[in-house]
Amino acid sequence: MFQREISHEGLQKRHLVKGQFPEIVDILAEAQTRAWNERWELRQATQKAGSDKFVSAIRETSPGHCNLDIDIIRDLSVDRTRECEQAIDALEHLLRDSLEEDHSIDWGLLADESRYGPKLSELHSEPAARESDISGEEFRLAKGREWLAAIERWKRSYSARDPPSIPDYCKLVLIGSNYPDSFPHDASIDYAADSRTLVVYYSLPDISAMPTVKEVKVVVARGDLDVKDVHVSEVWLSQTYDLVLYQIALRSLYELFQGDAAKAIDSIVFNGWVNATDKATGKEVNGCILSIHATKTEFMDMNLARVDPKDSASSG
């Protein structure tokens, strides 16, 4: 088993990638890195749109001394409110949004470095290790051939249902699933070949990762201007958090079953773990709060677009 630690400074993410072969570790690591980069770029683009920066500027301005036009400020608050509403609305559709997609891995796209693979000139070898009579382009092409050969080996191994290749394939399926960037995106997977059962240890979000602002209001009183966040209720937050957890569990089961191109999986045991801070001790704790066992035949026969996530998950 090979492994490699990756991280993203902007998102403050860190993950230990493990795989059967070093090339597979590279593929999984690069896919996760690309997913993180896409999240970061989306966050940066949102911030550049202006609302967060303007709202921050307004709040830092001394009362009565804001030079921004009140209509502009109201427009910005409307934009920010729309962003909050979209973030909250997305939580209710985490499962549904995944049902129309094909989650099997496209090996052709996997071989395309613009989609999954790292830059070929950066694979394994440092420039100083090159033979003096090999040009940079020849080196890149040689590494390209190695990369394609590694993917072909993995494809053959997976298609033959070689047990060690199954968890690596399933990790890549889950990496391709998009969630809010405040949610963790880590999973450890085992495969029991004798029972054709996948065992998933999935990192679920803590309630602190949930969006809580539903509206941004501009308040003008006696010549003073302020911008106030309107938060969701504690009851809504608790109920929606439960809904999110069950949706993630069902969504992960669906993506793994639907993406099972080799037909290697008959059942899945999904264990959802949460890292949180114990309010009594202030220490980090990690506990399994959700466990589901699902068989492929029964699960894929459900109409997931119409189920109640909690009832469906509880019956698993």
C-alpha atoms as a PDB file:
ATOM      1  CA  MET A   1       0.000   0.000   0.000  1.00  0.00           C
ATOM      2  CA  PHE A   2       1.345   3.401  -1.045  1.00  0.00           C
ATOM      3  CA  GLN A   3       0.360   6.751   0.417  1.00  0.00           C
ATOM      4  CA  ARG A   4       0.820  10.471  -0.023  1.00  0.00           C
ATOM      5  CA  GLU A   5      -0.297  13.433   2.068  1.00  0.00           C
ATOM      6  CA  ILE A   6      -1.929  16.345   0.294  1.00  0.00           C
ATOM      7  CA  SER A   7      -3.290  19.644   1.566  1.00  0.00           C
ATOM      8  CA  HIS A   8      -4.899  22.900   0.468  1.00  0.00           C
ATOM      9  CA  GLU A   9      -3.878  26.002   2.386  1.00  0.00           C
ATOM     10  CA  GLY A  10      -6.813  28.152   1.323  1.00  0.00           C
ATOM     11  CA  LEU A  11      -9.497  25.632   2.282  1.00  0.00           C
ATOM     12  CA  GLN A  12      -7.434  24.387   5.242  1.00  0.00           C
ATOM     13  CA  LYS A  13      -7.867  20.818   4.049  1.00  0.00           C
ATOM     14  CA  ARG A  14      -5.485  17.915   4.641  1.00  0.00           C
ATOM     15  CA  HIS A  15      -5.837  14.314   3.498  1.00  0.00           C
ATOM     16  CA  LEU A  16      -3.740  11.137   3.428  1.00  0.00           C
ATOM     17  CA  VAL A  17      -4.237   9.392   0.089  1.00  0.00           C
ATOM     18  CA  LYS A  18      -3.658   5.635  -0.048  1.00  0.00           C
ATOM     19  CA  GLY A  19      -3.646   3.306  -3.029  1.00  0.00           C
ATOM     20  CA  GLN A  20      -2.563  -0.043  -4.401  1.00  0.00           C
ATOM     21  CA  PHE A  21       0.088   1.451  -6.698  1.00  0.00           C
ATOM     22  CA  PRO A  22       1.996   4.749  -6.620  1.00  0.00           C
ATOM     23  CA  GLU A  23       0.401   5.772  -9.920  1.00  0.00           C
ATOM     24  CA  ILE A  24      -3.066   5.253  -8.402  1.00  0.00           C
ATOM     25  CA  VAL A  25      -2.083   7.372  -5.426  1.00  0.00           C
ATOM     26  CA  ASP A  26      -1.051  10.106  -7.881  1.00  0.00           C
ATOM     27  CA  ILE A  27      -4.386   9.859  -9.682  1.00  0.00           C
ATOM     28  CA  LEU A  28      -6.419   9.999  -6.471  1.00  0.00           C
ATOM     29  CA  ALA A  29      -4.285  12.808  -5.042  1.00  0.00           C
ATOM     30  CA  GLU A  30      -4.534  14.893  -8.197  1.00  0.00           C
ATOM     31  CA  ALA A  31      -8.285  14.338  -8.473  1.00  0.00           C
ATOM     32  CA  GLN A  32      -8.770  15.481  -4.887  1.00  0.00           C
ATOM     33  CA  THR A  33      -6.453  18.456  -5.415  1.00  0.00           C
ATOM     34  CA  ARG A  34      -8.357  19.477  -8.522  1.00  0.00           C
ATOM     35  CA  ALA A  35     -11.667  19.217  -6.640  1.00  0.00           C
ATOM     36  CA  TRP A  36     -10.250  21.423  -3.889  1.00  0.00           C
ATOM     37  CA  ASN A  37      -8.928  23.919  -6.424  1.00  0.00           C
ATOM     38  CA  GLU A  38     -12.328  24.133  -8.109  1.00  0.00           C
ATOM     39  CA  ARG A  39     -13.952  24.854  -4.758  1.00  0.00           C
ATOM     40  CA  TRP A  40     -11.347  27.485  -3.956  1.00  0.00           C
ATOM     41  CA  GLU A  41     -11.724  29.174  -7.342  1.00  0.00           C
ATOM     42  CA  LEU A  42     -15.500  29.271  -6.882  1.00  0.00           C
ATOM     43  CA  ARG A  43     -15.107  30.812  -3.440  1.00  0.00           C
ATOM     44  CA  GLN A  44     -12.642  33.382  -4.753  1.00  0.00           C
ATOM     45  CA  ALA A  45     -14.937  34.250  -7.652  1.00  0.00           C
ATOM     46  CA  THR A  46     -17.826  34.756  -5.247  1.00  0.00           C
ATOM     47  CA  GLN A  47     -15.755  37.056  -3.082  1.00  0.00           C
ATOM     48  CA  LYS A  48     -14.580  39.022  -6.098  1.00  0.00           C
ATOM     49  CA  ALA A  49     -18.204  39.550  -7.041  1.00  0.00           C
ATOM     50  CA  GLY A  50     -18.077  42.108  -4.314  1.00  0.00           C
ATOM     51  CA  SER A  51     -20.783  41.485  -1.770  1.00  0.00           C
ATOM     52  CA  ASP A  52     -18.653  40.125   1.062  1.00  0.00           C
ATOM     53  CA  LYS A  53     -16.010  42.818   0.618  1.00  0.00           C
ATOM     54  CA  PHE A  54     -18.548  45.638   0.464  1.00  0.00           C
ATOM     55  CA  VAL A  55     -20.481  44.351   3.470  1.00  0.00           C
ATOM     56  CA  SER A  56     -17.222  44.077   5.400  1.00  0.00           C
ATOM     57  CA  ALA A  57     -16.287  47.607   4.393  1.00  0.00           C
ATOM     58  CA  ILE A  58     -19.660  48.928   5.480  1.00  0.00           C
ATOM     59  CA  ARG A  59     -19.377  47.277   8.878  1.00  0.00           C
ATOM     60  CA  GLU A  60     -15.911  48.698   9.417  1.00  0.00           C
ATOM     61  CA  THR A  61     -17.021  52.228   8.568  1.00  0.00           C
ATOM     62  CA  SER A  62     -17.700  54.481  11.527  1.00  0.00           C
ATOM     63  CA  PRO A  63     -21.401  55.170  12.095  1.00  0.00           C
ATOM     64  CA  GLY A  64     -22.625  58.074  10.052  1.00  0.00           C
ATOM     65  CA  HIS A  65     -19.517  58.211   7.870  1.00  0.00           C
ATOM     66  CA  CYS A  66     -20.281  55.682   5.142  1.00  0.00           C
ATOM     67  CA  ASN A  67     -19.670  57.246   1.752  1.00  0.00           C
ATOM     68  CA  LEU A  68     -21.366  54.500  -0.280  1.00  0.00           C
ATOM     69  CA  ASP A  69     -24.700  55.298  -1.860  1.00  0.00           C
ATOM     70  CA  ILE A  70     -27.512  53.738   0.174  1.00  0.00           C
ATOM     71  CA  ASP A  71     -29.095  52.229  -2.949  1.00  0.00           C
ATOM     72  CA  ILE A  72     -25.798  50.520  -3.827  1.00  0.00           C
ATOM     73  CA  ILE A  73     -25.567  49.156  -0.322  1.00  0.00           C
ATOM     74  CA  ARG A  74     -29.112  47.806  -0.498  1.00  0.00           C
ATOM     75  CA  ASP A  75     -28.354  46.173  -3.850  1.00  0.00           C
ATOM     76  CA  LEU A  76     -25.296  44.516  -2.328  1.00  0.00           C
ATOM     77  CA  SER A  77     -27.306  43.266   0.611  1.00  0.00           C
ATOM     78  CA  VAL A  78     -29.839  41.786  -1.821  1.00  0.00           C
ATOM     79  CA  ASP A  79     -27.015  40.009  -3.672  1.00  0.00           C
ATOM     80  CA  ARG A  80     -25.622  38.660  -0.433  1.00  0.00           C
ATOM     81  CA  THR A  81     -29.078  37.509   0.666  1.00  0.00           C
ATOM     82  CA  ARG A  82     -29.489  35.698  -2.642  1.00  0.00           C
ATOM     83  CA  GLU A  83     -26.184  33.900  -2.067  1.00  0.00           C
ATOM     84  CA  CYS A  84     -27.328  32.857   1.403  1.00  0.00           C
ATOM     85  CA  GLU A  85     -30.659  31.591   0.068  1.00  0.00           C
ATOM     86  CA  GLN A  86     -28.909  29.577  -2.637  1.00  0.00           C
ATOM     87  CA  ALA A  87     -26.552  28.002  -0.097  1.00  0.00           C
ATOM     88  CA  ILE A  88     -29.469  27.036   2.140  1.00  0.00           C
ATOM     89  CA  ASP A  89     -31.613  25.807  -0.754  1.00  0.00           C
ATOM     90  CA  ALA A  90     -28.771  23.574  -1.995  1.00  0.00           C
ATOM     91  CA  LEU A  91     -28.822  21.651   1.279  1.00  0.00           C
ATOM     92  CA  GLU A  92     -32.293  20.342   0.549  1.00  0.00           C
ATOM     93  CA  HIS A  93     -31.261  18.943  -2.844  1.00  0.00           C
ATOM     94  CA  LEU A  94     -27.966  17.215  -2.095  1.00  0.00           C
ATOM     95  CA  LEU A  95     -29.405  13.812  -2.945  1.00  0.00           C
ATOM     96  CA  ARG A  96     -31.584  14.840  -5.881  1.00  0.00           C
ATOM     97  CA  ASP A  97     -28.755  16.707  -7.619  1.00  0.00           C
ATOM     98  CA  SER A  98     -26.753  13.479  -7.890  1.00  0.00           C
ATOM     99  CA  LEU A  99     -29.433  11.267  -9.395  1.00  0.00           C
ATOM    100  CA  GLU A 100     -29.173  12.405 -13.012  1.00  0.00           C
ATOM    101  CA  GLU A 101     -25.423  11.853 -13.340  1.00  0.00           C
ATOM    102  CA  ASP A 102     -23.363   8.861 -14.409  1.00  0.00           C
ATOM    103  CA  HIS A 103     -20.859   8.194 -11.623  1.00  0.00           C
ATOM    104  CA  SER A 104     -18.805   5.500 -13.302  1.00  0.00           C
ATOM    105  CA  ILE A 105     -15.235   6.496 -14.080  1.00  0.00           C
ATOM    106  CA  ASP A 106     -14.525   7.422 -17.686  1.00  0.00           C
ATOM    107  CA  TRP A 107     -11.100   5.880 -18.294  1.00  0.00           C
ATOM    108  CA  GLY A 108     -10.586   8.024 -21.376  1.00  0.00           C
ATOM    109  CA  LEU A 109     -11.031  11.190 -19.344  1.00  0.00           C
ATOM    110  CA  LEU A 110      -8.856   9.737 -16.624  1.00  0.00           C
ATOM    111  CA  ALA A 111      -6.027   9.469 -19.132  1.00  0.00           C
ATOM    112  CA  ASP A 112      -6.474  13.101 -20.123  1.00  0.00           C
ATOM    113  CA  GLU A 113      -4.179  15.182 -17.943  1.00  0.00           C
ATOM    114  CA  SER A 114      -6.431  18.200 -18.345  1.00  0.00           C
ATOM    115  CA  ARG A 115      -9.158  16.358 -16.418  1.00  0.00           C
ATOM    116  CA  TYR A 116      -7.545  14.116 -13.808  1.00  0.00           C
ATOM    117  CA  GLY A 117      -3.855  13.510 -14.306  1.00  0.00           C
ATOM    118  CA  PRO A 118      -1.022  15.612 -12.934  1.00  0.00           C
ATOM    119  CA  LYS A 119       1.416  17.372 -15.207  1.00  0.00           C
ATOM    120  CA  LEU A 120       3.400  14.544 -16.669  1.00  0.00           C
ATOM    121  CA  SER A 121       6.727  16.336 -16.254  1.00  0.00           C
ATOM    122  CA  GLU A 122       6.116  16.415 -12.506  1.00  0.00           C
ATOM    123  CA  LEU A 123       5.474  12.716 -11.997  1.00  0.00           C
ATOM    124  CA  HIS A 124       7.848  10.920  -9.633  1.00  0.00           C
ATOM    125  CA  SER A 125      11.108  12.241 -11.065  1.00  0.00           C
ATOM    126  CA  GLU A 126      12.824  15.530 -10.387  1.00  0.00           C
ATOM    127  CA  PRO A 127      14.439  17.425 -13.280  1.00  0.00           C
ATOM    128  CA  ALA A 128      17.883  16.782 -11.807  1.00  0.00           C
ATOM    129  CA  ALA A 129      17.348  13.060 -12.184  1.00  0.00           C
ATOM    130  CA  ARG A 130      16.953  13.209 -15.963  1.00  0.00           C
ATOM    131  CA  GLU A 131      19.529  11.708 -18.222  1.00  0.00           C
ATOM    132  CA  SER A 132      21.625  14.450 -19.798  1.00  0.00           C
ATOM    133  CA  ASP A 133      20.887  13.201 -23.286  1.00  0.00           C
ATOM    134  CA  ILE A 134      17.114  13.187 -22.819  1.00  0.00           C
ATOM    135  CA  SER A 135      15.312  16.397 -23.677  1.00  0.00           C
ATOM    136  CA  GLY A 136      12.533  17.817 -21.557  1.00  0.00           C
ATOM    137  CA  GLU A 137       9.975  16.980 -24.226  1.00  0.00           C
ATOM    138  CA  GLU A 138      11.203  13.389 -24.516  1.00  0.00           C
ATOM    139  CA  PHE A 139      11.070  13.105 -20.738  1.00  0.00           C
ATOM    140  CA  ARG A 140       7.503  14.406 -20.710  1.00  0.00           C
ATOM    141  CA  LEU A 141       6.444  11.948 -23.400  1.00  0.00           C
ATOM    142  CA  ALA A 142       8.124   9.071 -21.584  1.00  0.00           C
ATOM    143  CA  LYS A 143       6.301   9.945 -18.401  1.00  0.00           C
ATOM    144  CA  GLY A 144       3.110  10.273 -20.418  1.00  0.00           C
ATOM    145  CA  ARG A 145       3.508   6.723 -21.647  1.00  0.00           C
ATOM    146  CA  GLU A 146       4.114   5.540 -18.080  1.00  0.00           C
ATOM    147  CA  TRP A 147       0.997   7.382 -16.951  1.00  0.00           C
ATOM    148  CA  LEU A 148      -1.192   5.831 -19.644  1.00  0.00           C
ATOM    149  CA  ALA A 149       0.258   2.383 -18.946  1.00  0.00           C
ATOM    150  CA  ALA A 150      -0.536   2.763 -15.240  1.00  0.00           C
ATOM    151  CA  ILE A 151      -4.128   3.719 -16.001  1.00  0.00           C
ATOM    152  CA  GLU A 152      -4.449   0.765 -18.372  1.00  0.00           C
ATOM    153  CA  ARG A 153      -3.150  -1.601 -15.663  1.00  0.00           C
ATOM    154  CA  TRP A 154      -5.631  -0.175 -13.187  1.00  0.00           C
ATOM    155  CA  LYS A 155      -8.457  -0.469 -15.713  1.00  0.00           C
ATOM    156  CA  ARG A 156      -7.663  -4.130 -16.402  1.00  0.00           C
ATOM    157  CA  SER A 157      -7.335  -4.856 -12.699  1.00  0.00           C
ATOM    158  CA  TYR A 158     -10.652  -3.187 -11.910  1.00  0.00           C
ATOM    159  CA  SER A 159     -12.474  -4.793 -14.848  1.00  0.00           C
ATOM    160  CA  ALA A 160     -11.250  -8.182 -13.610  1.00  0.00           C
ATOM    161  CA  ARG A 161     -12.618  -7.294 -10.149  1.00  0.00           C
ATOM    162  CA  ASP A 162      -9.218  -7.601  -8.560  1.00  0.00           C
ATOM    163  CA  PRO A 163     -10.104  -6.864  -4.888  1.00  0.00           C
ATOM    164  CA  PRO A 164      -7.344  -4.297  -4.165  1.00  0.00           C
ATOM    165  CA  SER A 165      -8.454  -2.171  -7.136  1.00  0.00           C
ATOM    166  CA  ILE A 166     -12.064  -1.813  -5.971  1.00  0.00           C
ATOM    167  CA  PRO A 167     -11.545   0.597  -3.019  1.00  0.00           C
ATOM    168  CA  ASP A 168      -9.272   2.836  -5.114  1.00  0.00           C
ATOM    169  CA  TYR A 169     -11.895   3.044  -7.858  1.00  0.00           C
ATOM    170  CA  CYS A 170     -14.648   3.825  -5.352  1.00  0.00           C
ATOM    171  CA  LYS A 171     -12.572   6.570  -3.722  1.00  0.00           C
ATOM    172  CA  LEU A 172     -12.310   8.275  -7.092  1.00  0.00           C
ATOM    173  CA  VAL A 173     -16.084   8.026  -7.529  1.00  0.00           C
ATOM    174  CA  LEU A 174     -16.663   9.809  -4.213  1.00  0.00           C
ATOM    175  CA  ILE A 175     -14.016  12.450  -4.915  1.00  0.00           C
ATOM    176  CA  GLY A 176     -16.030  13.512  -7.948  1.00  0.00           C
ATOM    177  CA  SER A 177     -19.037  14.388  -5.783  1.00  0.00           C
ATOM    178  CA  ASN A 178     -19.485  18.130  -5.168  1.00  0.00           C
ATOM    179  CA  TYR A 179     -20.477  19.459  -1.762  1.00  0.00           C
ATOM    180  CA  PRO A 180     -20.239  22.866  -0.028  1.00  0.00           C
ATOM    181  CA  ASP A 181     -16.582  23.676   0.560  1.00  0.00           C
ATOM    182  CA  SER A 182     -17.131  23.784   4.329  1.00  0.00           C
ATOM    183  CA  PHE A 183     -17.975  20.063   4.271  1.00  0.00           C
ATOM    184  CA  PRO A 184     -15.203  17.465   4.684  1.00  0.00           C
ATOM    185  CA  HIS A 185     -14.588  15.268   1.678  1.00  0.00           C
ATOM    186  CA  ASP A 186     -12.695  12.311   3.073  1.00  0.00           C
ATOM    187  CA  ALA A 187     -13.474   8.612   2.988  1.00  0.00           C
ATOM    188  CA  SER A 188     -11.668   5.398   3.799  1.00  0.00           C
ATOM    189  CA  ILE A 189     -12.894   2.300   1.977  1.00  0.00           C
ATOM    190  CA  ASP A 190     -12.403  -1.453   2.448  1.00  0.00           C
ATOM    191  CA  TYR A 191     -13.671  -4.271   0.259  1.00  0.00           C
ATOM    192  CA  ALA A 192     -14.598  -7.802   1.353  1.00  0.00           C
ATOM    193  CA  ALA A 193     -14.304  -9.895  -1.801  1.00  0.00           C
ATOM    194  CA  ASP A 194     -15.913 -13.011  -0.329  1.00  0.00           C
ATOM    195  CA  SER A 195     -19.192 -11.188   0.369  1.00  0.00           C
ATOM    196  CA  ARG A 196     -18.706  -8.521  -2.347  1.00  0.00           C
ATOM    197  CA  THR A 197     -19.296  -5.894   0.343  1.00  0.00           C
ATOM    198  CA  LEU A 198     -17.880  -2.393   0.373  1.00  0.00           C
ATOM    199  CA  VAL A 199     -17.268  -0.827   3.800  1.00  0.00           C
ATOM    200  CA  VAL A 200     -17.145   2.974   3.745  1.00  0.00           C
ATOM    201  CA  TYR A 201     -15.887   5.166   6.594  1.00  0.00           C
ATOM    202  CA  TYR A 202     -17.071   8.617   5.577  1.00  0.00           C
ATOM    203  CA  SER A 203     -16.316  11.976   7.216  1.00  0.00           C
ATOM    204  CA  LEU A 204     -19.597  13.804   7.680  1.00  0.00           C
ATOM    205  CA  PRO A 205     -19.808  17.554   8.388  1.00  0.00           C
ATOM    206  CA  ASP A 206     -20.184  18.834  11.915  1.00  0.00           C
ATOM    207  CA  ILE A 207     -23.140  21.151  12.475  1.00  0.00           C
ATOM    208  CA  SER A 208     -20.699  24.082  12.596  1.00  0.00           C
ATOM    209  CA  ALA A 209     -20.102  23.557   8.837  1.00  0.00           C
ATOM    210  CA  MET A 210     -23.722  24.442   8.050  1.00  0.00           C
ATOM    211  CA  PRO A 211     -24.621  27.865   6.610  1.00  0.00           C
ATOM    212  CA  THR A 212     -26.654  29.807   9.150  1.00  0.00           C
ATOM    213  CA  VAL A 213     -27.221  33.258   7.610  1.00  0.00           C
ATOM    214  CA  LYS A 214     -30.475  33.454   5.654  1.00  0.00           C
ATOM    215  CA  GLU A 215     -30.687  37.191   5.007  1.00  0.00           C
ATOM    216  CA  VAL A 216     -28.570  40.353   5.117  1.00  0.00           C
ATOM    217  CA  LYS A 217     -30.434  43.513   6.111  1.00  0.00           C
ATOM    218  CA  VAL A 218     -29.440  47.142   5.789  1.00  0.00           C
ATOM    219  CA  VAL A 219     -30.528  49.162   8.792  1.00  0.00           C
ATOM    220  CA  VAL A 220     -30.549  52.989   8.754  1.00  0.00           C
ATOM    221  CA  ALA A 221     -31.457  54.770  11.965  1.00  0.00           C
ATOM    222  CA  ARG A 222     -30.758  58.401  12.940  1.00  0.00           C
ATOM    223  CA  GLY A 223     -28.258  58.767  10.151  1.00  0.00           C
ATOM    224  CA  ASP A 224     -26.297  55.672  11.158  1.00  0.00           C
ATOM    225  CA  LEU A 225     -26.000  52.702   8.839  1.00  0.00           C
ATOM    226  CA  ASP A 226     -25.455  49.073   9.735  1.00  0.00           C
ATOM    227  CA  VAL A 227     -25.667  45.719   8.019  1.00  0.00           C
ATOM    228  CA  LYS A 228     -27.099  42.861  10.063  1.00  0.00           C
ATOM    229  CA  ASP A 229     -27.111  39.126   9.427  1.00  0.00           C
ATOM    230  CA  VAL A 230     -30.415  37.352  10.017  1.00  0.00           C
ATOM    231  CA  HIS A 231     -29.747  33.784  11.134  1.00  0.00           C
ATOM    232  CA  VAL A 232     -31.832  30.646  10.779  1.00  0.00           C
ATOM    233  CA  SER A 233     -33.548  29.297  13.873  1.00  0.00           C
ATOM    234  CA  GLU A 234     -31.955  26.634  16.065  1.00  0.00           C
ATOM    235  CA  VAL A 235     -34.865  24.318  15.285  1.00  0.00           C
ATOM    236  CA  TRP A 236     -34.370  24.735  11.524  1.00  0.00           C
ATOM    237  CA  LEU A 237     -30.627  24.222  11.860  1.00  0.00           C
ATOM    238  CA  SER A 238     -31.020  21.007  13.836  1.00  0.00           C
ATOM    239  CA  GLN A 239     -33.653  19.562  11.497  1.00  0.00           C
ATOM    240  CA  THR A 240     -31.793  20.530   8.328  1.00  0.00           C
ATOM    241  CA  TYR A 241     -28.507  19.191   9.681  1.00  0.00           C
ATOM    242  CA  ASP A 242     -30.119  15.782  10.183  1.00  0.00           C
ATOM    243  CA  LEU A 243     -31.532  15.961   6.656  1.00  0.00           C
ATOM    244  CA  VAL A 244     -28.089  16.790   5.263  1.00  0.00           C
ATOM    245  CA  LEU A 245     -26.455  13.814   6.989  1.00  0.00           C
ATOM    246  CA  TYR A 246     -29.031  11.347   5.683  1.00  0.00           C
ATOM    247  CA  GLN A 247     -28.823  12.815   2.186  1.00  0.00           C
ATOM    248  CA  ILE A 248     -25.035  12.476   2.122  1.00  0.00           C
ATOM    249  CA  ALA A 249     -25.315   8.851   3.207  1.00  0.00           C
ATOM    250  CA  LEU A 250     -27.919   7.999   0.557  1.00  0.00           C
ATOM    251  CA  ARG A 251     -26.099   9.995  -2.086  1.00  0.00           C
ATOM    252  CA  SER A 252     -22.839   8.169  -1.394  1.00  0.00           C
ATOM    253  CA  LEU A 253     -24.577   4.804  -1.575  1.00  0.00           C
ATOM    254  CA  TYR A 254     -26.210   5.767  -4.850  1.00  0.00           C
ATOM    255  CA  GLU A 255     -23.010   7.044  -6.441  1.00  0.00           C
ATOM    256  CA  LEU A 256     -21.080   3.917  -5.465  1.00  0.00           C
ATOM    257  CA  PHE A 257     -23.768   1.497  -6.614  1.00  0.00           C
ATOM    258  CA  GLN A 258     -24.496   3.420  -9.821  1.00  0.00           C
ATOM    259  CA  GLY A 259     -20.801   3.824 -10.606  1.00  0.00           C
ATOM    260  CA  ASP A 260     -20.084   0.115 -10.084  1.00  0.00           C
ATOM    261  CA  ALA A 261     -19.164  -0.550 -13.722  1.00  0.00           C
ATOM    262  CA  ALA A 262     -17.405  -3.834 -12.939  1.00  0.00           C
ATOM    263  CA  LYS A 263     -20.448  -5.099 -11.017  1.00  0.00           C
ATOM    264  CA  ALA A 264     -18.196  -5.960  -8.100  1.00  0.00           C
ATOM    265  CA  ILE A 265     -20.455  -4.685  -5.297  1.00  0.00           C
ATOM    266  CA  ASP A 266     -23.495  -6.490  -3.910  1.00  0.00           C
ATOM    267  CA  SER A 267     -23.822  -4.490  -0.708  1.00  0.00           C
ATOM    268  CA  ILE A 268     -22.380  -1.485   1.105  1.00  0.00           C
ATOM    269  CA  VAL A 269     -21.917  -0.719   4.774  1.00  0.00           C
ATOM    270  CA  PHE A 270     -21.782   3.058   5.164  1.00  0.00           C
ATOM    271  CA  ASN A 271     -20.407   4.418   8.430  1.00  0.00           C
ATOM    272  CA  GLY A 272     -20.644   8.173   8.868  1.00  0.00           C
ATOM    273  CA  TRP A 273     -18.154   9.768  11.264  1.00  0.00           C
ATOM    274  CA  VAL A 274     -18.115  13.321  12.590  1.00  0.00           C
ATOM    275  CA  ASN A 275     -15.201  15.308  13.969  1.00  0.00           C
ATOM    276  CA  ALA A 276     -16.498  17.834  16.461  1.00  0.00           C
ATOM    277  CA  THR A 277     -15.526  19.755  19.561  1.00  0.00           C
ATOM    278  CA  ASP A 278     -16.833  18.415  22.847  1.00  0.00           C
ATOM    279  CA  LYS A 279     -18.383  21.478  24.502  1.00  0.00           C
ATOM    280  CA  ALA A 280     -17.796  20.008  27.951  1.00  0.00           C
ATOM    281  CA  THR A 281     -14.054  19.407  27.513  1.00  0.00           C
ATOM    282  CA  GLY A 282     -13.118  21.566  24.536  1.00  0.00           C
ATOM    283  CA  LYS A 283     -11.390  18.556  22.991  1.00  0.00           C
ATOM    284  CA  GLU A 284     -11.784  17.187  19.477  1.00  0.00           C
ATOM    285  CA  VAL A 285     -13.844  13.991  19.353  1.00  0.00           C
ATOM    286  CA  ASN A 286     -14.539  11.626  16.477  1.00  0.00           C
ATOM    287  CA  GLY A 287     -17.623   9.450  16.586  1.00  0.00           C
ATOM    288  CA  CYS A 288     -19.698   7.263  14.295  1.00  0.00           C
ATOM    289  CA  ILE A 289     -23.187   8.785  14.260  1.00  0.00           C
ATOM    290  CA  LEU A 290     -24.733   7.014  11.279  1.00  0.00           C
ATOM    291  CA  SER A 291     -24.461   3.452   9.969  1.00  0.00           C
ATOM    292  CA  ILE A 292     -26.398   1.955   7.066  1.00  0.00           C
ATOM    293  CA  HIS A 293     -26.252  -1.452   5.412  1.00  0.00           C
ATOM    294  CA  ALA A 294     -27.744  -1.532   1.913  1.00  0.00           C
ATOM    295  CA  THR A 295     -27.968  -4.204  -0.754  1.00  0.00           C
ATOM    296  CA  LYS A 296     -27.603  -3.072  -4.327  1.00  0.00           C
ATOM    297  CA  THR A 297     -30.765  -4.725  -5.635  1.00  0.00           C
ATOM    298  CA  GLU A 298     -33.062  -3.224  -3.022  1.00  0.00           C
ATOM    299  CA  PHE A 299     -31.411   0.175  -2.886  1.00  0.00           C
ATOM    300  CA  MET A 300     -31.349   0.804  -6.624  1.00  0.00           C
ATOM    301  CA  ASP A 301     -34.987  -0.243  -6.853  1.00  0.00           C
ATOM    302  CA  MET A 302     -36.019   2.751  -4.715  1.00  0.00           C
ATOM    303  CA  ASN A 303     -37.253   6.011  -6.210  1.00  0.00           C
ATOM    304  CA  LEU A 304     -34.702   8.196  -4.469  1.00  0.00           C
ATOM    305  CA  ALA A 305     -36.138  11.385  -5.925  1.00  0.00           C
ATOM    306  CA  ARG A 306     -39.255  10.888  -3.831  1.00  0.00           C
ATOM    307  CA  VAL A 307     -38.069   9.220  -0.625  1.00  0.00           C
ATOM    308  CA  ASP A 308     -37.790  10.838   2.773  1.00  0.00           C
ATOM    309  CA  PRO A 309     -34.011  10.632   3.371  1.00  0.00           C
ATOM    310  CA  LYS A 310     -34.311   9.996   7.106  1.00  0.00           C
ATOM    311  CA  ASP A 311     -36.965   7.281   6.771  1.00  0.00           C
ATOM    312  CA  SER A 312     -35.097   5.641   3.906  1.00  0.00           C
ATOM    313  CA  ALA A 313     -31.737   5.689   5.678  1.00  0.00           C
ATOM    314  CA  SER A 314     -33.236   4.484   8.962  1.00  0.00           C
ATOM    315  CA  SER A 315     -34.743   1.458   7.228  1.00  0.00           C
ATOM    316  CA  GLY A 316     -31.351   0.461   5.780  1.00  0.00           C
END
